[in-house]
Structure formats: structure tokens, C-alpha cells
Amino acid sequence: MENKTLNKLTIFLTLLLTYSMHSSAFDHTHKAFNKILNTHVKLKGKQSLIDYKAVKKDISDLNSYLELLSSVEKKEYAAFSKDQQLAFLINAYNAFTIKLIIDNYPLKSIKDIGSFFKSTWKIKFFTLLKKKTNLDHVEQVTIHFLSNEDKNSLNKKKNKVTLSKIFKWYGEDFEKKFGSVEKFVSKYLTSNKKIQAEIADKKYPISWSDYDWKLNDI
């Protein structure tokens, strides 16, 4: 009787450990992708340059990160906070873009990958949240998040921009990928080209909204 109880307890603890490891498996610091960027992205003036040739030569690191992204289930993603979901989508968009370019490297422009009938951004070449998808779809979801005025907004009267703290914490990454946080968010905060340019030129001071640490639990 004692052995049966012990066996049941052992099985329970094993299942609990397995579940705990799975539920906390995703690294929200995106350390693996940051390592790739820190190694292969260089700033030249205000332009971010990626050494695609070097990334392709050491493709295993990128593939491992992409596999991690693709392994996330919808239920797991739904339990991320809003800011974690945003970071997930932005990094997924950029990482899979790099993968698409590398798979077709060398080339002069990312547009060369597409055709007259289907643009590059409409090509379904990766899996995210267990669904075969394309870069355009991920970008539209990202736009939806950036349009959430609780986190990211433009106050035209005060000439001020309010952004999620995630942009502050990952400021160096956005600088490497897009030149600056301001350049990245400007086109999502307003359709006014003049104001977009002013935001990109850092003429609008930024204040930071509180980071949401709560689980976005269904």
C-alpha cells in the first residue's frame, strides 16, 4: 500500500515538474534573438545593417529561436501579458523576415522574393501559434496592439507620445533594427506623414506607460 502511494506521488510530482517546465519554457527576454542581433547587426549612421552572410553561416542559432517561437501554443500565448504578446509578435516578425531573406540569399531586395501574383509579405512560409501564416498577417496583429491607446498613444495637443515600457527596455534592439524606437512606432501612431516624420526625428517627447505584469488569462 505504501509503495502504491509512493508511486502515485512520484508520478504526480513528475507530471507537475513537466507541466511547470513547459509553462515557463518561453524566454520573454528573447535572449537567443538578442544574441543574434548583437552579433550580426551593425549601425551605420542611422541605418541598421544585418550581416546576412554571417547569419546564414551560423544558421543554427536562428533556427533554434524560430523553432521556439513556432512551438508556442495559442493557450500559452493567451496567458502572456499584453506587453509580452507585443514583444513576441515584433520579434517573430523580424526573425522570420531574416529567415526568409537568408533562405533566398543573395538578393538585392526582399521584394525580389515575391512575384507579380503574390507579394513577399503574403508568402506563407512559417508557423506561428500552430497556424501556417505570412509576414503581412503578423504585422497587422502588431498594428492592432500598437493601436491600443492604453499602452501607445499620440497626444497632438501636448506634442507627446506615450509608449509601453517594453520599447524603453528594448530600446537598443529597436535602434539596431529600425534606427530608433521613434522611427518604428511613428507610422503606427498616426497616418499624418508630417507628424510621422516629427516623431521619427524625436521632436515629440516620450512618456512610458506602466508595464502589465498580469497574466492575460482567458
C-alpha atoms as a PDB file:
ATOM      1  CA  MET A   1       0.000   0.000   0.000  1.00  0.00           C
ATOM      2  CA  GLU A   2       2.859   2.316   0.892  1.00  0.00           C
ATOM      3  CA  ASN A   3       4.653   1.590  -2.395  1.00  0.00           C
ATOM      4  CA  LYS A   4       1.489   2.336  -4.426  1.00  0.00           C
ATOM      5  CA  THR A   5       1.084   5.659  -2.639  1.00  0.00           C
ATOM      6  CA  LEU A   6       4.744   6.457  -3.225  1.00  0.00           C
ATOM      7  CA  ASN A   7       4.442   5.576  -6.914  1.00  0.00           C
ATOM      8  CA  LYS A   8       1.369   7.789  -7.297  1.00  0.00           C
ATOM      9  CA  LEU A   9       3.191  10.640  -5.563  1.00  0.00           C
ATOM     10  CA  THR A  10       6.224  10.144  -7.825  1.00  0.00           C
ATOM     11  CA  ILE A  11       4.037  10.201 -10.946  1.00  0.00           C
ATOM     12  CA  PHE A  12       2.220  13.317  -9.707  1.00  0.00           C
ATOM     13  CA  LEU A  13       5.476  15.144  -8.963  1.00  0.00           C
ATOM     14  CA  THR A  14       6.872  14.146 -12.366  1.00  0.00           C
ATOM     15  CA  LEU A  15       3.778  15.442 -14.155  1.00  0.00           C
ATOM     16  CA  LEU A  16       3.857  18.637 -12.090  1.00  0.00           C
ATOM     17  CA  LEU A  17       7.520  19.199 -12.900  1.00  0.00           C
ATOM     18  CA  THR A  18       6.903  18.544 -16.602  1.00  0.00           C
ATOM     19  CA  TYR A  19       3.986  20.979 -16.634  1.00  0.00           C
ATOM     20  CA  SER A  20       5.987  23.630 -14.765  1.00  0.00           C
ATOM     21  CA  MET A  21       8.896  23.318 -17.179  1.00  0.00           C
ATOM     22  CA  HIS A  22       6.559  23.618 -20.167  1.00  0.00           C
ATOM     23  CA  SER A  23       4.546  26.529 -18.773  1.00  0.00           C
ATOM     24  CA  SER A  24       7.677  28.533 -18.016  1.00  0.00           C
ATOM     25  CA  ALA A  25       9.658  27.361 -21.042  1.00  0.00           C
ATOM     26  CA  PHE A  26       9.305  30.501 -23.151  1.00  0.00           C
ATOM     27  CA  ASP A  27      12.024  33.069 -22.548  1.00  0.00           C
ATOM     28  CA  HIS A  28      10.364  36.503 -22.567  1.00  0.00           C
ATOM     29  CA  THR A  29      13.744  38.229 -22.626  1.00  0.00           C
ATOM     30  CA  HIS A  30      14.239  36.758 -26.137  1.00  0.00           C
ATOM     31  CA  LYS A  31      17.871  36.211 -25.170  1.00  0.00           C
ATOM     32  CA  ALA A  32      18.582  33.932 -28.152  1.00  0.00           C
ATOM     33  CA  PHE A  33      17.401  36.508 -30.709  1.00  0.00           C
ATOM     34  CA  ASN A  34      19.128  39.374 -28.914  1.00  0.00           C
ATOM     35  CA  LYS A  35      22.379  37.419 -29.130  1.00  0.00           C
ATOM     36  CA  ILE A  36      21.967  37.118 -32.904  1.00  0.00           C
ATOM     37  CA  LEU A  37      21.225  40.820 -33.254  1.00  0.00           C
ATOM     38  CA  ASN A  38      24.085  41.893 -31.007  1.00  0.00           C
ATOM     39  CA  THR A  39      26.461  39.752 -33.053  1.00  0.00           C
ATOM     40  CA  HIS A  40      25.293  40.455 -36.595  1.00  0.00           C
ATOM     41  CA  VAL A  41      23.541  43.854 -36.635  1.00  0.00           C
ATOM     42  CA  LYS A  42      25.640  47.000 -37.021  1.00  0.00           C
ATOM     43  CA  LEU A  43      24.667  50.652 -37.096  1.00  0.00           C
ATOM     44  CA  LYS A  44      25.932  52.778 -39.970  1.00  0.00           C
ATOM     45  CA  GLY A  45      24.795  56.313 -39.310  1.00  0.00           C
ATOM     46  CA  LYS A  46      21.050  55.991 -38.724  1.00  0.00           C
ATOM     47  CA  GLN A  47      20.775  52.799 -40.773  1.00  0.00           C
ATOM     48  CA  SER A  48      20.739  49.282 -39.309  1.00  0.00           C
ATOM     49  CA  LEU A  49      22.720  46.749 -41.349  1.00  0.00           C
ATOM     50  CA  ILE A  50      22.487  42.972 -40.939  1.00  0.00           C
ATOM     51  CA  ASP A  51      25.318  40.671 -41.911  1.00  0.00           C
ATOM     52  CA  TYR A  52      23.067  38.127 -43.626  1.00  0.00           C
ATOM     53  CA  LYS A  53      26.028  36.152 -44.909  1.00  0.00           C
ATOM     54  CA  ALA A  54      27.315  35.626 -41.361  1.00  0.00           C
ATOM     55  CA  VAL A  55      23.847  34.735 -40.038  1.00  0.00           C
ATOM     56  CA  LYS A  56      23.420  32.187 -42.836  1.00  0.00           C
ATOM     57  CA  LYS A  57      26.772  30.639 -41.995  1.00  0.00           C
ATOM     58  CA  ASP A  58      25.689  30.243 -38.375  1.00  0.00           C
ATOM     59  CA  ILE A  59      22.016  29.479 -39.118  1.00  0.00           C
ATOM     60  CA  SER A  60      21.550  27.006 -36.247  1.00  0.00           C
ATOM     61  CA  ASP A  61      21.078  29.776 -33.661  1.00  0.00           C
ATOM     62  CA  LEU A  62      18.365  31.445 -35.723  1.00  0.00           C
ATOM     63  CA  ASN A  63      16.630  28.146 -36.480  1.00  0.00           C
ATOM     64  CA  SER A  64      16.578  27.241 -32.790  1.00  0.00           C
ATOM     65  CA  TYR A  65      14.947  30.567 -31.935  1.00  0.00           C
ATOM     66  CA  LEU A  66      12.376  30.201 -34.718  1.00  0.00           C
ATOM     67  CA  GLU A  67      11.526  26.708 -33.512  1.00  0.00           C
ATOM     68  CA  LEU A  68      10.950  28.158 -30.035  1.00  0.00           C
ATOM     69  CA  LEU A  69       8.570  30.761 -31.461  1.00  0.00           C
ATOM     70  CA  SER A  70       6.694  28.170 -33.512  1.00  0.00           C
ATOM     71  CA  SER A  71       6.334  25.860 -30.521  1.00  0.00           C
ATOM     72  CA  VAL A  72       4.180  28.352 -28.587  1.00  0.00           C
ATOM     73  CA  GLU A  73       0.545  27.226 -28.436  1.00  0.00           C
ATOM     74  CA  LYS A  74      -2.454  29.567 -28.553  1.00  0.00           C
ATOM     75  CA  LYS A  75      -3.327  28.848 -24.928  1.00  0.00           C
ATOM     76  CA  GLU A  76       0.215  29.634 -23.806  1.00  0.00           C
ATOM     77  CA  TYR A  77       0.261  32.844 -25.867  1.00  0.00           C
ATOM     78  CA  ALA A  78      -3.110  33.903 -24.426  1.00  0.00           C
ATOM     79  CA  ALA A  79      -1.601  33.674 -20.938  1.00  0.00           C
ATOM     80  CA  PHE A  80       1.162  36.155 -21.840  1.00  0.00           C
ATOM     81  CA  SER A  81       0.648  39.743 -20.708  1.00  0.00           C
ATOM     82  CA  LYS A  82      -0.231  42.248 -23.459  1.00  0.00           C
ATOM     83  CA  ASP A  83       3.336  43.561 -23.463  1.00  0.00           C
ATOM     84  CA  GLN A  84       4.759  40.043 -23.707  1.00  0.00           C
ATOM     85  CA  GLN A  85       2.435  39.334 -26.649  1.00  0.00           C
ATOM     86  CA  LEU A  86       3.615  42.513 -28.365  1.00  0.00           C
ATOM     87  CA  ALA A  87       7.284  41.598 -27.866  1.00  0.00           C
ATOM     88  CA  PHE A  88       6.548  38.100 -29.147  1.00  0.00           C
ATOM     89  CA  LEU A  89       4.922  39.382 -32.345  1.00  0.00           C
ATOM     90  CA  ILE A  90       7.530  42.047 -33.088  1.00  0.00           C
ATOM     91  CA  ASN A  91      10.424  39.644 -32.612  1.00  0.00           C
ATOM     92  CA  ALA A  92       8.641  36.925 -34.578  1.00  0.00           C
ATOM     93  CA  TYR A  93       8.086  39.328 -37.483  1.00  0.00           C
ATOM     94  CA  ASN A  94      11.745  40.368 -37.542  1.00  0.00           C
ATOM     95  CA  ALA A  95      13.206  36.916 -37.007  1.00  0.00           C
ATOM     96  CA  PHE A  96      11.111  35.265 -39.722  1.00  0.00           C
ATOM     97  CA  THR A  97      11.887  38.159 -42.081  1.00  0.00           C
ATOM     98  CA  ILE A  98      15.590  37.474 -41.597  1.00  0.00           C
ATOM     99  CA  LYS A  99      14.945  33.768 -42.216  1.00  0.00           C
ATOM    100  CA  LEU A 100      13.080  34.487 -45.463  1.00  0.00           C
ATOM    101  CA  ILE A 101      15.914  36.676 -46.729  1.00  0.00           C
ATOM    102  CA  ILE A 102      18.577  34.133 -45.763  1.00  0.00           C
ATOM    103  CA  ASP A 103      16.691  31.319 -47.494  1.00  0.00           C
ATOM    104  CA  ASN A 104      16.812  33.369 -50.700  1.00  0.00           C
ATOM    105  CA  TYR A 105      20.221  34.984 -50.188  1.00  0.00           C
ATOM    106  CA  PRO A 106      21.988  36.553 -52.024  1.00  0.00           C
ATOM    107  CA  LEU A 107      19.454  39.054 -53.366  1.00  0.00           C
ATOM    108  CA  LYS A 108      19.251  42.810 -53.869  1.00  0.00           C
ATOM    109  CA  SER A 109      15.837  43.417 -52.314  1.00  0.00           C
ATOM    110  CA  ILE A 110      13.366  41.478 -50.190  1.00  0.00           C
ATOM    111  CA  LYS A 111      10.773  42.363 -52.827  1.00  0.00           C
ATOM    112  CA  ASP A 112      12.629  40.123 -55.297  1.00  0.00           C
ATOM    113  CA  ILE A 113      11.424  37.072 -53.350  1.00  0.00           C
ATOM    114  CA  GLY A 114       7.798  37.667 -54.293  1.00  0.00           C
ATOM    115  CA  SER A 115       6.182  37.570 -57.700  1.00  0.00           C
ATOM    116  CA  PHE A 116       3.699  39.523 -59.805  1.00  0.00           C
ATOM    117  CA  PHE A 117       0.899  37.392 -58.380  1.00  0.00           C
ATOM    118  CA  LYS A 118       1.961  37.297 -54.725  1.00  0.00           C
ATOM    119  CA  SER A 119       3.961  39.834 -52.722  1.00  0.00           C
ATOM    120  CA  THR A 120       6.790  38.756 -50.436  1.00  0.00           C
ATOM    121  CA  TRP A 121       4.717  39.541 -47.363  1.00  0.00           C
ATOM    122  CA  LYS A 122       1.879  37.239 -48.497  1.00  0.00           C
ATOM    123  CA  ILE A 123       4.045  34.111 -48.766  1.00  0.00           C
ATOM    124  CA  LYS A 124       3.081  31.572 -46.108  1.00  0.00           C
ATOM    125  CA  PHE A 125       6.412  30.064 -45.114  1.00  0.00           C
ATOM    126  CA  PHE A 126       6.311  29.683 -41.325  1.00  0.00           C
ATOM    127  CA  THR A 127       4.097  28.501 -38.487  1.00  0.00           C
ATOM    128  CA  LEU A 128       3.032  30.725 -35.615  1.00  0.00           C
ATOM    129  CA  LEU A 129       0.529  29.779 -32.920  1.00  0.00           C
ATOM    130  CA  LYS A 130       0.116  26.471 -34.748  1.00  0.00           C
ATOM    131  CA  LYS A 131      -1.067  28.134 -37.953  1.00  0.00           C
ATOM    132  CA  LYS A 132       0.725  28.471 -41.290  1.00  0.00           C
ATOM    133  CA  THR A 133       0.999  32.189 -41.879  1.00  0.00           C
ATOM    134  CA  ASN A 134       2.840  35.095 -43.518  1.00  0.00           C
ATOM    135  CA  LEU A 135       4.595  38.308 -42.516  1.00  0.00           C
ATOM    136  CA  ASP A 136       1.653  40.505 -43.508  1.00  0.00           C
ATOM    137  CA  HIS A 137      -0.639  38.760 -41.023  1.00  0.00           C
ATOM    138  CA  VAL A 138       1.838  39.154 -38.161  1.00  0.00           C
ATOM    139  CA  GLU A 139       2.326  42.834 -38.998  1.00  0.00           C
ATOM    140  CA  GLN A 140      -1.457  43.500 -38.945  1.00  0.00           C
ATOM    141  CA  VAL A 141      -1.737  41.928 -35.479  1.00  0.00           C
ATOM    142  CA  THR A 142       1.231  44.062 -34.325  1.00  0.00           C
ATOM    143  CA  ILE A 143      -0.541  47.180 -35.644  1.00  0.00           C
ATOM    144  CA  HIS A 144      -3.612  46.169 -33.654  1.00  0.00           C
ATOM    145  CA  PHE A 145      -1.544  46.100 -30.446  1.00  0.00           C
ATOM    146  CA  LEU A 146       0.162  49.407 -31.156  1.00  0.00           C
ATOM    147  CA  SER A 147      -3.253  50.954 -31.725  1.00  0.00           C
ATOM    148  CA  ASN A 148      -4.163  50.162 -28.108  1.00  0.00           C
ATOM    149  CA  GLU A 149      -4.261  53.666 -26.630  1.00  0.00           C
ATOM    150  CA  ASP A 150      -3.982  52.290 -23.109  1.00  0.00           C
ATOM    151  CA  LYS A 151      -0.369  51.491 -23.967  1.00  0.00           C
ATOM    152  CA  ASN A 152       0.633  53.546 -27.000  1.00  0.00           C
ATOM    153  CA  SER A 153      -0.814  56.874 -27.986  1.00  0.00           C
ATOM    154  CA  LEU A 154      -0.139  60.259 -29.533  1.00  0.00           C
ATOM    155  CA  ASN A 155      -1.288  63.460 -27.839  1.00  0.00           C
ATOM    156  CA  LYS A 156      -1.252  66.047 -30.637  1.00  0.00           C
ATOM    157  CA  LYS A 157      -2.204  68.938 -28.326  1.00  0.00           C
ATOM    158  CA  LYS A 158       0.716  68.315 -25.997  1.00  0.00           C
ATOM    159  CA  ASN A 159       3.024  67.045 -28.762  1.00  0.00           C
ATOM    160  CA  LYS A 160       3.731  63.983 -26.627  1.00  0.00           C
ATOM    161  CA  VAL A 161       3.936  60.264 -27.278  1.00  0.00           C
ATOM    162  CA  THR A 162       3.083  57.618 -24.674  1.00  0.00           C
ATOM    163  CA  LEU A 163       4.531  54.133 -25.202  1.00  0.00           C
ATOM    164  CA  SER A 164       4.691  50.811 -23.409  1.00  0.00           C
ATOM    165  CA  LYS A 165       7.832  50.420 -21.291  1.00  0.00           C
ATOM    166  CA  ILE A 166       8.754  47.461 -23.441  1.00  0.00           C
ATOM    167  CA  PHE A 167      10.053  49.956 -26.010  1.00  0.00           C
ATOM    168  CA  LYS A 168      12.222  51.543 -23.314  1.00  0.00           C
ATOM    169  CA  TRP A 169      13.680  48.254 -22.118  1.00  0.00           C
ATOM    170  CA  TYR A 170      14.398  47.036 -25.645  1.00  0.00           C
ATOM    171  CA  GLY A 171      15.422  50.455 -26.923  1.00  0.00           C
ATOM    172  CA  GLU A 172      18.835  49.280 -28.126  1.00  0.00           C
ATOM    173  CA  ASP A 173      17.247  46.473 -30.129  1.00  0.00           C
ATOM    174  CA  PHE A 174      14.860  48.862 -31.870  1.00  0.00           C
ATOM    175  CA  GLU A 175      17.761  51.207 -32.540  1.00  0.00           C
ATOM    176  CA  LYS A 176      19.700  48.392 -34.199  1.00  0.00           C
ATOM    177  CA  LYS A 177      16.745  47.118 -36.217  1.00  0.00           C
ATOM    178  CA  PHE A 178      14.986  50.343 -37.163  1.00  0.00           C
ATOM    179  CA  GLY A 179      17.269  53.265 -36.273  1.00  0.00           C
ATOM    180  CA  SER A 180      15.243  54.156 -33.168  1.00  0.00           C
ATOM    181  CA  VAL A 181      12.056  53.357 -31.265  1.00  0.00           C
ATOM    182  CA  GLU A 182      10.561  56.560 -32.632  1.00  0.00           C
ATOM    183  CA  LYS A 183      11.140  55.501 -36.235  1.00  0.00           C
ATOM    184  CA  PHE A 184       9.467  52.170 -35.616  1.00  0.00           C
ATOM    185  CA  VAL A 185       6.332  53.461 -33.867  1.00  0.00           C
ATOM    186  CA  SER A 186       5.804  56.662 -35.862  1.00  0.00           C
ATOM    187  CA  LYS A 187       3.915  55.038 -38.758  1.00  0.00           C
ATOM    188  CA  TYR A 188       1.630  53.166 -36.359  1.00  0.00           C
ATOM    189  CA  LEU A 189       0.618  56.145 -34.214  1.00  0.00           C
ATOM    190  CA  THR A 190      -0.676  58.402 -36.980  1.00  0.00           C
ATOM    191  CA  SER A 191      -1.320  58.456 -40.716  1.00  0.00           C
ATOM    192  CA  ASN A 192      -0.148  62.092 -40.922  1.00  0.00           C
ATOM    193  CA  LYS A 193       3.192  61.955 -42.774  1.00  0.00           C
ATOM    194  CA  LYS A 194       4.377  65.273 -41.317  1.00  0.00           C
ATOM    195  CA  ILE A 195       3.761  64.152 -37.735  1.00  0.00           C
ATOM    196  CA  GLN A 196       5.297  60.732 -38.512  1.00  0.00           C
ATOM    197  CA  ALA A 197       8.482  62.496 -39.594  1.00  0.00           C
ATOM    198  CA  GLU A 198       8.468  64.711 -36.476  1.00  0.00           C
ATOM    199  CA  ILE A 199       8.064  61.668 -34.199  1.00  0.00           C
ATOM    200  CA  ALA A 200      10.842  59.841 -36.074  1.00  0.00           C
ATOM    201  CA  ASP A 201      13.063  62.913 -35.620  1.00  0.00           C
ATOM    202  CA  LYS A 202      12.393  62.759 -31.836  1.00  0.00           C
ATOM    203  CA  LYS A 203      10.540  66.085 -31.726  1.00  0.00           C
ATOM    204  CA  TYR A 204       7.830  64.501 -29.571  1.00  0.00           C
ATOM    205  CA  PRO A 205       8.940  63.622 -26.013  1.00  0.00           C
ATOM    206  CA  ILE A 206       8.090  60.097 -24.856  1.00  0.00           C
ATOM    207  CA  SER A 207       6.458  59.107 -21.584  1.00  0.00           C
ATOM    208  CA  TRP A 208       6.230  55.446 -20.594  1.00  0.00           C
ATOM    209  CA  SER A 209       3.080  53.598 -19.579  1.00  0.00           C
ATOM    210  CA  ASP A 210       3.275  51.025 -16.797  1.00  0.00           C
ATOM    211  CA  TYR A 211       4.285  47.510 -17.796  1.00  0.00           C
ATOM    212  CA  ASP A 212       1.494  44.968 -17.414  1.00  0.00           C
ATOM    213  CA  TRP A 213       2.800  42.068 -15.342  1.00  0.00           C
ATOM    214  CA  LYS A 214      -0.605  40.391 -15.008  1.00  0.00           C
ATOM    215  CA  LEU A 215      -1.373  37.227 -16.955  1.00  0.00           C
ATOM    216  CA  ASN A 216      -3.697  37.855 -19.850  1.00  0.00           C
ATOM    217  CA  ASP A 217      -5.621  34.776 -18.755  1.00  0.00           C
ATOM    218  CA  ILE A 218      -8.804  33.678 -20.516  1.00  0.00           C
END
